[in-house]
Protein backbone atom coordinates (compact mmCIF):
# COMPACT_ATOMS: atom_id res chain seq x y z
CA UNK A 1 0.00 0.00 0.00
CA UNK A 2 1.42 3.38 -1.04
CA UNK A 3 1.68 5.85 1.82
CA UNK A 4 0.28 9.34 1.39
CA UNK A 5 2.79 12.06 0.56
CA UNK A 6 2.32 15.18 2.67
CA UNK A 7 3.78 18.67 2.42
CA UNK A 8 5.05 20.57 5.44
CA UNK A 9 7.22 23.35 6.83
CA UNK A 10 10.28 22.65 9.01
CA UNK A 11 9.99 24.75 12.16
CA UNK A 12 13.15 23.45 13.86
CA UNK A 13 15.76 20.73 13.48
CA UNK A 14 17.64 18.69 16.09
CA UNK A 15 20.33 16.48 14.58
CA UNK A 16 18.71 13.98 12.22
CA UNK A 17 15.19 14.88 13.40
CA UNK A 18 13.04 17.85 12.47
CA UNK A 19 9.75 19.23 13.70
CA UNK A 20 7.49 19.64 10.67
CA UNK A 21 4.30 21.70 10.56
CA UNK A 22 1.76 19.77 8.51
CA UNK A 23 -0.93 21.38 6.38
CA UNK A 24 -3.57 20.58 9.01
CA UNK A 25 -1.66 22.55 11.65
CA UNK A 26 -0.26 19.56 13.54
CA UNK A 27 3.44 19.20 14.37
CA UNK A 28 5.19 15.97 13.41
CA UNK A 29 8.58 14.78 14.57
CA UNK A 30 10.22 13.56 11.37
CA UNK A 31 13.41 11.66 10.70
CA UNK A 32 15.56 12.61 7.74
CA UNK A 33 17.53 9.98 5.91
CA UNK A 34 21.25 10.68 5.62
CA UNK A 35 21.22 10.37 1.85
CA UNK A 36 18.86 13.32 1.48
CA UNK A 37 19.75 17.02 1.41
CA UNK A 38 19.75 18.22 5.04
CA UNK A 39 16.91 20.50 6.07
CA UNK A 40 16.88 23.60 8.25
CA UNK A 41 14.12 25.74 9.74
CA UNK A 42 12.08 27.33 6.98
CA UNK A 43 12.51 24.48 4.50
CA UNK A 44 9.44 23.16 2.73
CA UNK A 45 9.42 19.36 2.54
CA UNK A 46 7.49 16.32 1.44
CA UNK A 47 7.07 13.69 4.15
CA UNK A 48 5.25 10.46 4.91
CA UNK A 49 3.84 9.05 8.11
CA UNK A 50 6.00 6.32 9.60
CA UNK A 51 5.69 4.19 12.72
CA UNK A 52 4.93 5.33 16.26
CA UNK A 53 3.33 8.57 15.08
CA UNK A 54 6.63 9.69 13.58
CA UNK A 55 7.26 10.96 10.09
CA UNK A 56 9.96 10.50 7.46
CA UNK A 57 11.17 13.39 5.29
CA UNK A 58 11.20 12.18 1.70
CA UNK A 59 12.26 15.31 -0.16
CA UNK A 60 13.40 18.86 0.50
CA UNK A 61 11.65 21.19 -1.92
CA UNK A 62 13.56 23.93 -3.81
CA UNK A 63 14.57 26.94 -1.74
CA UNK A 64 14.21 30.60 -2.68
CA UNK A 65 17.09 31.58 -0.37
CA UNK A 66 19.33 30.30 2.41
CA UNK A 67 21.10 32.17 5.19
CA UNK A 68 24.47 30.67 6.04
CA UNK A 69 27.06 31.12 8.76
CA UNK A 70 30.69 30.86 7.66
CA UNK A 71 32.56 28.71 10.19
CA UNK A 72 35.92 29.09 8.44
CA UNK A 73 37.31 29.36 4.89
CA UNK A 74 36.03 25.91 3.94
CA UNK A 75 32.93 25.30 6.07
CA UNK A 76 29.57 27.03 5.82
CA UNK A 77 26.70 26.17 8.17
CA UNK A 78 23.16 26.66 6.89
CA UNK A 79 20.93 28.55 9.34
CA UNK A 80 17.46 29.14 7.89
CA UNK A 81 15.74 28.90 4.50
CA UNK A 82 12.99 30.72 2.60
CA UNK A 83 13.00 33.94 4.61
CA UNK A 84 10.82 36.80 3.37
CA UNK A 85 12.45 39.68 5.22
CA UNK A 86 15.13 40.84 7.62
CA UNK A 87 13.90 43.44 10.12
CA UNK A 88 16.90 45.52 11.23
CA UNK A 89 16.41 47.23 14.61
CA UNK A 90 18.49 50.28 15.54
CA UNK A 91 18.27 53.22 17.93
CA UNK A 92 20.29 56.04 19.53
CA UNK A 93 21.20 54.22 22.75
CA UNK A 94 23.17 52.09 22.16
CA UNK A 95 24.22 54.27 19.27
CA UNK A 96 23.50 52.67 15.92
CA UNK A 97 26.37 51.24 13.86
CA UNK A 98 25.63 52.09 10.23
CA UNK A 99 28.28 49.70 8.90
CA UNK A 100 26.52 46.88 10.75
CA UNK A 101 23.12 48.00 9.45
CA UNK A 102 24.51 47.97 5.92
CA UNK A 103 26.01 44.54 6.45
CA UNK A 104 22.58 43.23 7.41
CA UNK A 105 21.14 44.81 4.27
CA UNK A 106 23.92 43.43 2.06
CA UNK A 107 23.36 39.86 3.24
CA UNK A 108 19.62 40.24 2.74
CA UNK A 109 20.04 41.64 -0.77
CA UNK A 110 22.53 38.92 -1.70
CA UNK A 111 19.98 36.28 -0.77
CA UNK A 112 16.92 38.00 -2.22
CA UNK A 113 15.43 38.81 1.20
CA UNK A 114 13.58 42.10 1.73
CA UNK A 115 15.23 44.46 4.28
CA UNK A 116 13.07 46.54 6.63
CA UNK A 117 14.48 49.22 8.95
CA UNK A 118 13.00 49.52 12.46
CA UNK A 119 13.79 52.46 14.74
CA UNK A 120 13.25 51.26 18.32
CA UNK A 121 12.91 53.05 21.68
CA UNK A 122 11.09 55.98 20.10
CA UNK A 123 10.57 57.53 23.57
CA UNK A 124 14.36 57.73 24.05
CA UNK A 125 14.91 59.08 20.52
CA UNK A 126 12.49 61.94 21.18
CA UNK A 127 14.50 62.92 24.27
CA UNK A 128 17.73 63.30 22.30
CA UNK A 129 19.28 62.25 19.02
CA UNK A 130 16.08 62.54 16.98
CA UNK A 131 17.62 64.65 14.23
CA UNK A 132 20.61 62.35 13.80
CA UNK A 133 18.67 59.12 13.62
CA UNK A 134 16.00 60.66 11.40
CA UNK A 135 18.74 61.70 8.97
CA UNK A 136 19.95 58.11 8.86
CA UNK A 137 16.40 56.84 8.38
CA UNK A 138 15.96 59.24 5.47
CA UNK A 139 19.02 57.74 3.74
CA UNK A 140 17.25 54.37 3.64
CA UNK A 141 13.87 55.84 2.71
CA UNK A 142 15.53 57.57 -0.25
CA UNK A 143 16.93 54.24 -1.43
CA UNK A 144 13.47 52.68 -1.19
CA UNK A 145 13.63 50.65 2.01
CA UNK A 146 10.65 50.85 4.40
CA UNK A 147 11.38 52.44 7.78
CA UNK A 148 9.06 52.10 10.77
CA UNK A 149 9.39 53.38 14.34
CA UNK A 150 8.32 51.79 17.62
CA UNK A 151 8.38 52.40 21.36
CA UNK A 152 8.34 49.30 23.52
CA UNK A 153 7.73 51.42 26.62
CA UNK A 154 4.71 53.13 25.10
CA UNK A 155 3.74 50.14 22.98
CA UNK A 156 3.62 52.54 20.04
CA UNK A 157 4.22 51.58 16.42
CA UNK A 158 3.48 47.91 17.05
CA UNK A 159 0.49 47.83 14.70
CA UNK A 160 2.69 49.02 11.84
CA UNK A 161 5.28 46.39 12.74
CA UNK A 162 2.62 43.66 12.88
CA UNK A 163 1.42 44.71 9.43
CA UNK A 164 4.94 44.31 8.07
CA UNK A 165 5.43 40.91 9.73
CA UNK A 166 1.98 39.51 8.92
CA UNK A 167 2.01 36.29 6.90
CA UNK A 168 5.78 36.46 6.32
CA UNK A 169 8.80 34.57 7.65
CA UNK A 170 10.96 37.26 9.26
CA UNK A 171 14.13 37.50 11.27
CA UNK A 172 14.66 40.35 13.74
CA UNK A 173 18.29 41.49 14.00
CA UNK A 174 20.24 44.38 15.51
CA UNK A 175 22.83 45.35 18.09
CA UNK A 176 22.50 44.12 21.64
CA UNK A 177 20.37 46.50 23.68
CA UNK A 178 18.16 47.86 20.89
CA UNK A 179 15.09 46.15 22.36
CA UNK A 180 14.71 42.99 20.30
CA UNK A 181 13.81 40.96 23.38
CA UNK A 182 10.97 43.18 24.53
CA UNK A 183 9.66 43.56 20.98
CA UNK A 184 9.59 39.80 20.49
CA UNK A 185 7.83 39.37 23.84
CA UNK A 186 5.10 41.77 22.73
CA UNK A 187 4.75 40.05 19.36
CA UNK A 188 4.84 36.50 20.77
CA UNK A 189 2.57 36.09 23.82
CA UNK A 190 4.11 33.62 26.26
CA UNK A 191 7.54 33.71 24.62
CA UNK A 192 10.48 36.02 25.26
CA UNK A 193 13.91 36.33 23.67
CA UNK A 194 16.76 36.21 26.13
CA UNK A 195 20.49 36.49 25.45
CA UNK A 196 20.71 32.71 25.21
CA UNK A 197 17.74 32.43 22.91
CA UNK A 198 13.98 32.25 22.93
CA UNK A 199 12.67 31.08 26.26
CA UNK A 200 9.24 29.46 26.57
CA UNK A 201 7.33 30.33 29.74
CA UNK A 202 4.70 28.09 31.23
CA UNK A 203 3.84 25.55 33.91
CA UNK A 204 6.82 23.39 32.98
CA UNK A 205 9.33 26.13 33.78
CA UNK A 206 11.58 27.53 31.06
CA UNK A 207 14.14 26.33 28.57
CA UNK A 208 16.40 27.93 26.02
CA UNK A 209 17.09 26.71 22.53
CA UNK A 210 20.36 26.48 20.62
CA UNK A 211 18.63 25.51 17.37
CA UNK A 212 17.11 27.75 14.75
CA UNK A 213 13.34 27.86 15.31
CA UNK A 214 10.36 29.42 13.57
CA UNK A 215 7.90 30.84 16.12
CA UNK A 216 4.34 31.33 14.83
CA UNK A 217 3.04 34.87 15.17
CA UNK A 218 -0.58 35.07 16.40
CA UNK A 219 -1.55 37.37 13.52
CA UNK A 220 0.07 35.15 10.86
CA UNK A 221 3.64 34.52 9.82
CA UNK A 222 6.75 33.40 11.71
CA UNK A 223 9.60 35.01 13.64
CA UNK A 224 12.99 33.29 13.42
CA UNK A 225 15.40 32.92 16.31
CA UNK A 226 18.83 31.34 16.02
CA UNK A 227 22.31 31.54 17.58
CA UNK A 228 23.60 31.99 14.01
CA UNK A 229 21.23 34.91 13.52
CA UNK A 230 22.55 36.62 16.63
CA UNK A 231 26.17 36.18 15.51
CA UNK A 232 25.44 38.07 12.32
CA UNK A 233 29.04 39.19 11.78
CA UNK A 234 29.93 35.75 10.43
CA UNK A 235 26.99 35.28 8.08
CA UNK A 236 28.23 34.23 4.66
CA UNK A 237 28.85 37.21 2.37
CA UNK A 238 30.87 37.42 -0.86
CA UNK A 239 33.12 40.45 -1.42
CA UNK A 240 32.95 40.25 -5.22
CA UNK A 241 29.16 40.55 -5.13
CA UNK A 242 29.02 43.23 -2.46
CA UNK A 243 28.50 46.21 -4.81
CA UNK A 244 25.36 44.57 -6.23
CA UNK A 245 23.93 44.57 -2.70
CA UNK A 246 24.11 48.37 -2.53
CA UNK A 247 21.15 48.86 -4.82
CA UNK A 248 21.66 52.60 -5.28
CA UNK A 249 25.02 51.81 -6.97
CA UNK A 250 23.43 49.80 -9.74
CA UNK A 251 22.36 52.70 -11.97
CA UNK A 252 25.99 53.88 -12.10
CA UNK A 253 28.10 50.72 -12.31
CA UNK A 254 27.79 50.32 -16.10
CA UNK A 255 29.43 53.75 -16.52
CA UNK A 256 32.63 52.83 -14.68
CA UNK A 257 35.74 52.66 -16.89
CA UNK A 258 36.43 49.07 -15.86
CA UNK A 259 33.79 46.36 -16.08
CA UNK A 260 35.18 44.73 -12.93
CA UNK A 261 35.41 48.00 -10.98
CA UNK A 262 35.19 47.46 -7.23
CA UNK A 263 34.61 51.19 -6.59
CA UNK A 264 37.54 51.45 -4.18
CA UNK A 265 40.76 52.71 -5.83
CA UNK A 266 39.94 52.47 -9.54
CA UNK A 267 40.05 55.62 -11.72
CA UNK A 268 36.95 56.93 -13.52
CA UNK A 269 34.60 55.16 -11.11
CA UNK A 270 31.03 56.30 -11.73
CA UNK A 271 29.96 55.27 -8.23
CA UNK A 272 32.59 57.46 -6.58
CA UNK A 273 31.64 60.31 -8.89
CA UNK A 274 28.01 59.92 -7.81
CA UNK A 275 29.13 60.11 -4.18
CA UNK A 276 31.01 63.34 -4.94
CA UNK A 277 27.84 64.78 -6.51
CA UNK A 278 25.87 63.68 -3.41
CA UNK A 279 23.69 61.38 -5.51
CA UNK A 280 24.84 58.47 -3.33
CA UNK A 281 25.07 58.83 0.44
CA UNK A 282 28.68 59.26 1.54
CA UNK A 283 27.91 57.30 4.71
CA UNK A 284 26.58 54.38 2.66
CA UNK A 285 29.62 54.46 0.38
CA UNK A 286 31.98 54.55 3.38
CA UNK A 287 30.24 51.54 4.90
CA UNK A 288 30.58 49.73 1.55
CA UNK A 289 34.31 50.46 1.40
CA UNK A 290 34.80 49.40 5.03
CA UNK A 291 32.88 46.17 4.54
CA UNK A 292 34.63 45.37 1.24
CA UNK A 293 38.04 45.72 2.87
CA UNK A 294 36.95 43.60 5.83
CA UNK A 295 35.75 40.83 3.54
CA UNK A 296 38.83 40.85 1.31
CA UNK A 297 41.16 40.91 4.30
CA UNK A 298 39.29 38.07 6.00
CA UNK A 299 38.18 40.11 9.01
């Protein structure tokens, strides 16, 4: 008798086993055979029911993107698949790091994931630093990236954030102290992000996870948490493709003298000329140059 083939979404993986969300909303613990392509959270799979109410993953379906963590020059660890957007949180205290923001954006662009900018701690911003952070926000608005603002203390801006997250698989990133934990707690009733990970609260006490996990949002969609997400500095990023991730460069790159121009030291660089004419943000260009050198020098 042929067993029924089911489709599902991997919400977390532990070794050779994965928790798979079936189409009927149930969660199945599924084993993956070693000969198959390994799955990560966010993968869509085909699976069959096995023995003892367990499942077997038969096939990993094609991915639209994959976020990876570079362990060293030879090894890359896959973190999460099929993300829709990266929500980048930043604020005035701790002071935002624009190079880090642009690194987040570059990784997202390289993988075809939509970046969203989120100004947090709006109550603090209004008490000082509003002009500076608004100027930074305007840089990204001018490029075409959405920017939203929120105040965890006042619970302001959360409806706009929920609208952005609704029915999408999203990862929330940003420097330590920008308020990711309290935001996630407000978005995920009964769950809070701690330094060590997402912690479930309930009658059975609490536990932290070291695996990438998709947490269902009550209004639709999923929020990703992962140790690899938190250590964003080592996400896989290719220096030779970095300029393509700065989307405001693209209208100028064909006018550079050299077809392989890296927009660093080359003469007759149309991108650098656009910076001089203030058609490209100097801060964005400086972050590009800093990141390019870091990647080529292996930092």
